[in-house]
Amino acid sequence: MAHKKENIGNQSLHKHTEDALKVYFQSLNGDRPGDLYELVMGEVERPLFKAVLDYTQGNQSQAAGILGLNRGTLRKKLRYYSLIQ
């Protein structure tokens, strides 16, 4: 399945992510990061879910469809990130 490349300014989201990770690694001054996957996913998922919920005006079924998740998985993630109670 081909994904549409999203451009922000003149840079893709992919490029922004690469640049942010380079800066992050440089800031570690040689230290080894721990739990990097969890850190990145937490930084990306919460604003992603919030933006999609805003776009769908809170409609979780529509949001789940846009995200390619089932509604139960979305609800679990929304609770984890305190976006719903």
N, C-alpha and C. Protein backbone atom coordinates (compact mmCIF):
# COMPACT_ATOMS: atom_id res chain seq x y z
N MET A 1 0.85 -1.18 0.00
CA MET A 1 0.00 0.00 0.00
C MET A 1 0.89 1.24 0.00
N ALA A 2 0.68 2.10 -0.94
CA ALA A 2 1.48 3.32 -1.05
C ALA A 2 0.94 4.36 -0.09
N HIS A 3 1.84 5.05 0.59
CA HIS A 3 1.45 6.10 1.51
C HIS A 3 1.71 7.45 0.86
N LYS A 4 0.77 8.35 1.03
CA LYS A 4 0.93 9.70 0.53
C LYS A 4 1.94 10.43 1.41
N LYS A 5 2.94 11.02 0.81
CA LYS A 5 3.94 11.77 1.57
C LYS A 5 3.35 13.12 1.95
N GLU A 6 3.37 13.39 3.25
CA GLU A 6 2.86 14.66 3.74
C GLU A 6 4.01 15.65 3.84
N ASN A 7 3.79 16.85 3.36
CA ASN A 7 4.81 17.89 3.43
C ASN A 7 4.38 18.96 4.42
N ILE A 8 5.31 19.34 5.26
CA ILE A 8 5.11 20.42 6.20
C ILE A 8 6.17 21.44 5.84
N GLY A 9 5.75 22.59 5.39
CA GLY A 9 6.71 23.52 4.81
C GLY A 9 7.20 22.85 3.55
N ASN A 10 8.49 22.73 3.40
CA ASN A 10 9.04 22.02 2.26
C ASN A 10 9.70 20.71 2.66
N GLN A 11 9.47 20.26 3.90
CA GLN A 11 10.06 19.02 4.37
C GLN A 11 8.97 18.02 4.72
N SER A 12 9.25 16.75 4.44
CA SER A 12 8.30 15.71 4.78
C SER A 12 8.33 15.43 6.28
N LEU A 13 7.29 14.82 6.78
CA LEU A 13 7.24 14.42 8.18
C LEU A 13 8.39 13.46 8.49
N HIS A 14 8.72 12.63 7.53
CA HIS A 14 9.85 11.70 7.65
C HIS A 14 11.14 12.47 7.92
N LYS A 15 11.39 13.52 7.16
CA LYS A 15 12.61 14.32 7.30
C LYS A 15 12.62 15.05 8.64
N HIS A 16 11.47 15.59 9.06
CA HIS A 16 11.40 16.25 10.35
C HIS A 16 11.73 15.27 11.48
N THR A 17 11.25 14.05 11.35
CA THR A 17 11.52 13.03 12.36
C THR A 17 13.00 12.69 12.40
N GLU A 18 13.60 12.48 11.24
CA GLU A 18 15.04 12.21 11.18
C GLU A 18 15.84 13.34 11.83
N ASP A 19 15.50 14.56 11.49
CA ASP A 19 16.21 15.72 12.04
C ASP A 19 16.06 15.79 13.56
N ALA A 20 14.85 15.57 14.05
CA ALA A 20 14.61 15.62 15.50
C ALA A 20 15.41 14.53 16.22
N LEU A 21 15.48 13.35 15.62
CA LEU A 21 16.25 12.27 16.25
C LEU A 21 17.75 12.56 16.25
N LYS A 22 18.25 13.17 15.18
CA LYS A 22 19.66 13.56 15.14
C LYS A 22 19.97 14.54 16.27
N VAL A 23 19.12 15.53 16.45
CA VAL A 23 19.31 16.51 17.52
C VAL A 23 19.24 15.82 18.88
N TYR A 24 18.29 14.91 19.03
CA TYR A 24 18.14 14.18 20.30
C TYR A 24 19.42 13.40 20.62
N PHE A 25 19.94 12.65 19.64
CA PHE A 25 21.16 11.87 19.88
C PHE A 25 22.35 12.76 20.18
N GLN A 26 22.44 13.89 19.50
CA GLN A 26 23.53 14.84 19.77
C GLN A 26 23.44 15.38 21.20
N SER A 27 22.24 15.58 21.67
CA SER A 27 22.05 16.14 23.01
C SER A 27 22.43 15.16 24.12
N LEU A 28 22.56 13.89 23.77
CA LEU A 28 22.90 12.88 24.77
C LEU A 28 24.39 12.88 25.13
N ASN A 29 25.19 13.56 24.31
CA ASN A 29 26.64 13.66 24.57
C ASN A 29 27.28 12.29 24.79
N GLY A 30 26.92 11.32 23.96
CA GLY A 30 27.53 10.00 24.04
C GLY A 30 26.82 9.03 24.95
N ASP A 31 25.90 9.49 25.77
CA ASP A 31 25.13 8.57 26.62
C ASP A 31 24.21 7.72 25.76
N ARG A 32 23.88 6.54 26.23
CA ARG A 32 22.98 5.64 25.51
C ARG A 32 21.55 5.88 25.98
N PRO A 33 20.63 6.10 25.04
CA PRO A 33 19.23 6.27 25.45
C PRO A 33 18.63 4.94 25.87
N GLY A 34 17.62 4.99 26.69
CA GLY A 34 16.88 3.80 27.08
C GLY A 34 15.43 3.95 26.69
N ASP A 35 14.79 2.86 26.33
CA ASP A 35 13.37 2.87 25.97
C ASP A 35 13.03 3.90 24.90
N LEU A 36 13.90 4.00 23.90
CA LEU A 36 13.71 5.01 22.86
C LEU A 36 12.41 4.80 22.09
N TYR A 37 12.07 3.55 21.80
CA TYR A 37 10.84 3.28 21.07
C TYR A 37 9.64 3.85 21.83
N GLU A 38 9.55 3.55 23.13
CA GLU A 38 8.44 4.05 23.94
C GLU A 38 8.44 5.58 23.99
N LEU A 39 9.61 6.16 24.11
CA LEU A 39 9.73 7.62 24.14
C LEU A 39 9.19 8.23 22.86
N VAL A 40 9.63 7.72 21.72
CA VAL A 40 9.20 8.27 20.42
C VAL A 40 7.71 8.05 20.21
N MET A 41 7.23 6.84 20.50
CA MET A 41 5.81 6.57 20.29
C MET A 41 4.94 7.47 21.18
N GLY A 42 5.37 7.68 22.40
CA GLY A 42 4.63 8.57 23.29
C GLY A 42 4.60 10.00 22.81
N GLU A 43 5.70 10.44 22.22
CA GLU A 43 5.78 11.80 21.71
C GLU A 43 4.95 11.99 20.44
N VAL A 44 4.79 10.93 19.68
CA VAL A 44 4.10 11.02 18.39
C VAL A 44 2.62 10.64 18.50
N GLU A 45 2.33 9.56 19.22
CA GLU A 45 0.95 9.07 19.26
C GLU A 45 -0.03 10.06 19.87
N ARG A 46 0.32 10.63 21.00
CA ARG A 46 -0.64 11.52 21.68
C ARG A 46 -1.07 12.68 20.79
N PRO A 47 -0.14 13.45 20.21
CA PRO A 47 -0.61 14.54 19.35
C PRO A 47 -1.30 14.05 18.08
N LEU A 48 -0.91 12.87 17.60
CA LEU A 48 -1.59 12.29 16.43
C LEU A 48 -3.05 12.00 16.76
N PHE A 49 -3.27 11.32 17.87
CA PHE A 49 -4.64 10.98 18.26
C PHE A 49 -5.45 12.24 18.55
N LYS A 50 -4.85 13.21 19.22
CA LYS A 50 -5.56 14.45 19.52
C LYS A 50 -5.94 15.18 18.24
N ALA A 51 -5.03 15.27 17.28
CA ALA A 51 -5.32 15.96 16.02
C ALA A 51 -6.43 15.25 15.25
N VAL A 52 -6.40 13.93 15.22
CA VAL A 52 -7.44 13.19 14.49
C VAL A 52 -8.78 13.32 15.20
N LEU A 53 -8.79 13.27 16.52
CA LEU A 53 -10.04 13.48 17.25
C LEU A 53 -10.59 14.88 17.01
N ASP A 54 -9.73 15.87 17.01
CA ASP A 54 -10.18 17.23 16.71
C ASP A 54 -10.77 17.29 15.30
N TYR A 55 -10.10 16.66 14.35
CA TYR A 55 -10.55 16.64 12.95
C TYR A 55 -11.92 15.99 12.82
N THR A 56 -12.15 14.92 13.59
CA THR A 56 -13.43 14.20 13.51
C THR A 56 -14.44 14.72 14.53
N GLN A 57 -14.11 15.83 15.18
CA GLN A 57 -14.97 16.43 16.20
C GLN A 57 -15.34 15.42 17.28
N GLY A 58 -14.35 14.61 17.68
CA GLY A 58 -14.54 13.65 18.76
C GLY A 58 -15.17 12.33 18.36
N ASN A 59 -15.46 12.13 17.09
CA ASN A 59 -16.07 10.88 16.65
C ASN A 59 -15.01 9.79 16.60
N GLN A 60 -15.06 8.90 17.59
CA GLN A 60 -14.04 7.87 17.72
C GLN A 60 -14.10 6.83 16.60
N SER A 61 -15.29 6.53 16.10
CA SER A 61 -15.40 5.58 15.00
C SER A 61 -14.72 6.12 13.75
N GLN A 62 -14.96 7.39 13.44
CA GLN A 62 -14.31 8.01 12.30
C GLN A 62 -12.79 8.10 12.53
N ALA A 63 -12.40 8.47 13.73
CA ALA A 63 -10.97 8.59 14.06
C ALA A 63 -10.28 7.24 13.89
N ALA A 64 -10.90 6.18 14.39
CA ALA A 64 -10.32 4.84 14.26
C ALA A 64 -10.16 4.48 12.79
N GLY A 65 -11.15 4.81 11.97
CA GLY A 65 -11.06 4.53 10.53
C GLY A 65 -9.92 5.29 9.87
N ILE A 66 -9.77 6.55 10.21
CA ILE A 66 -8.70 7.37 9.65
C ILE A 66 -7.34 6.82 10.05
N LEU A 67 -7.23 6.38 11.31
CA LEU A 67 -5.96 5.87 11.83
C LEU A 67 -5.66 4.43 11.41
N GLY A 68 -6.69 3.73 10.93
CA GLY A 68 -6.50 2.33 10.57
C GLY A 68 -6.44 1.42 11.78
N LEU A 69 -7.11 1.83 12.85
CA LEU A 69 -7.16 1.05 14.08
C LEU A 69 -8.59 0.61 14.32
N ASN A 70 -8.76 -0.47 15.09
CA ASN A 70 -10.13 -0.77 15.49
C ASN A 70 -10.49 0.14 16.65
N ARG A 71 -11.77 0.34 16.87
CA ARG A 71 -12.23 1.33 17.85
C ARG A 71 -11.77 0.97 19.26
N GLY A 72 -11.75 -0.30 19.60
CA GLY A 72 -11.30 -0.72 20.93
C GLY A 72 -9.85 -0.35 21.19
N THR A 73 -9.00 -0.57 20.19
CA THR A 73 -7.59 -0.21 20.32
C THR A 73 -7.44 1.30 20.48
N LEU A 74 -8.20 2.05 19.69
CA LEU A 74 -8.14 3.50 19.80
C LEU A 74 -8.56 3.95 21.20
N ARG A 75 -9.64 3.41 21.72
CA ARG A 75 -10.13 3.80 23.05
C ARG A 75 -9.07 3.49 24.12
N LYS A 76 -8.42 2.35 23.99
CA LYS A 76 -7.36 1.97 24.95
C LYS A 76 -6.23 3.00 24.91
N LYS A 77 -5.83 3.39 23.71
CA LYS A 77 -4.75 4.38 23.55
C LYS A 77 -5.20 5.75 24.07
N LEU A 78 -6.43 6.12 23.81
CA LEU A 78 -6.95 7.42 24.27
C LEU A 78 -6.96 7.48 25.80
N ARG A 79 -7.35 6.38 26.44
CA ARG A 79 -7.31 6.34 27.91
C ARG A 79 -5.86 6.41 28.40
N TYR A 80 -4.95 5.69 27.76
CA TYR A 80 -3.55 5.68 28.15
C TYR A 80 -2.96 7.10 28.12
N TYR A 81 -3.32 7.86 27.09
CA TYR A 81 -2.80 9.22 26.94
C TYR A 81 -3.71 10.27 27.61
N SER A 82 -4.68 9.81 28.39
CA SER A 82 -5.60 10.70 29.12
C SER A 82 -6.35 11.65 28.19
N LEU A 83 -6.69 11.16 27.01
CA LEU A 83 -7.48 11.97 26.08
C LEU A 83 -8.97 11.71 26.25
N ILE A 84 -9.31 10.63 26.95
CA ILE A 84 -10.69 10.36 27.37
C ILE A 84 -10.62 9.73 28.76
N GLN A 85 -11.75 9.68 29.43
CA GLN A 85 -11.78 9.05 30.76
C GLN A 85 -12.38 7.68 30.67
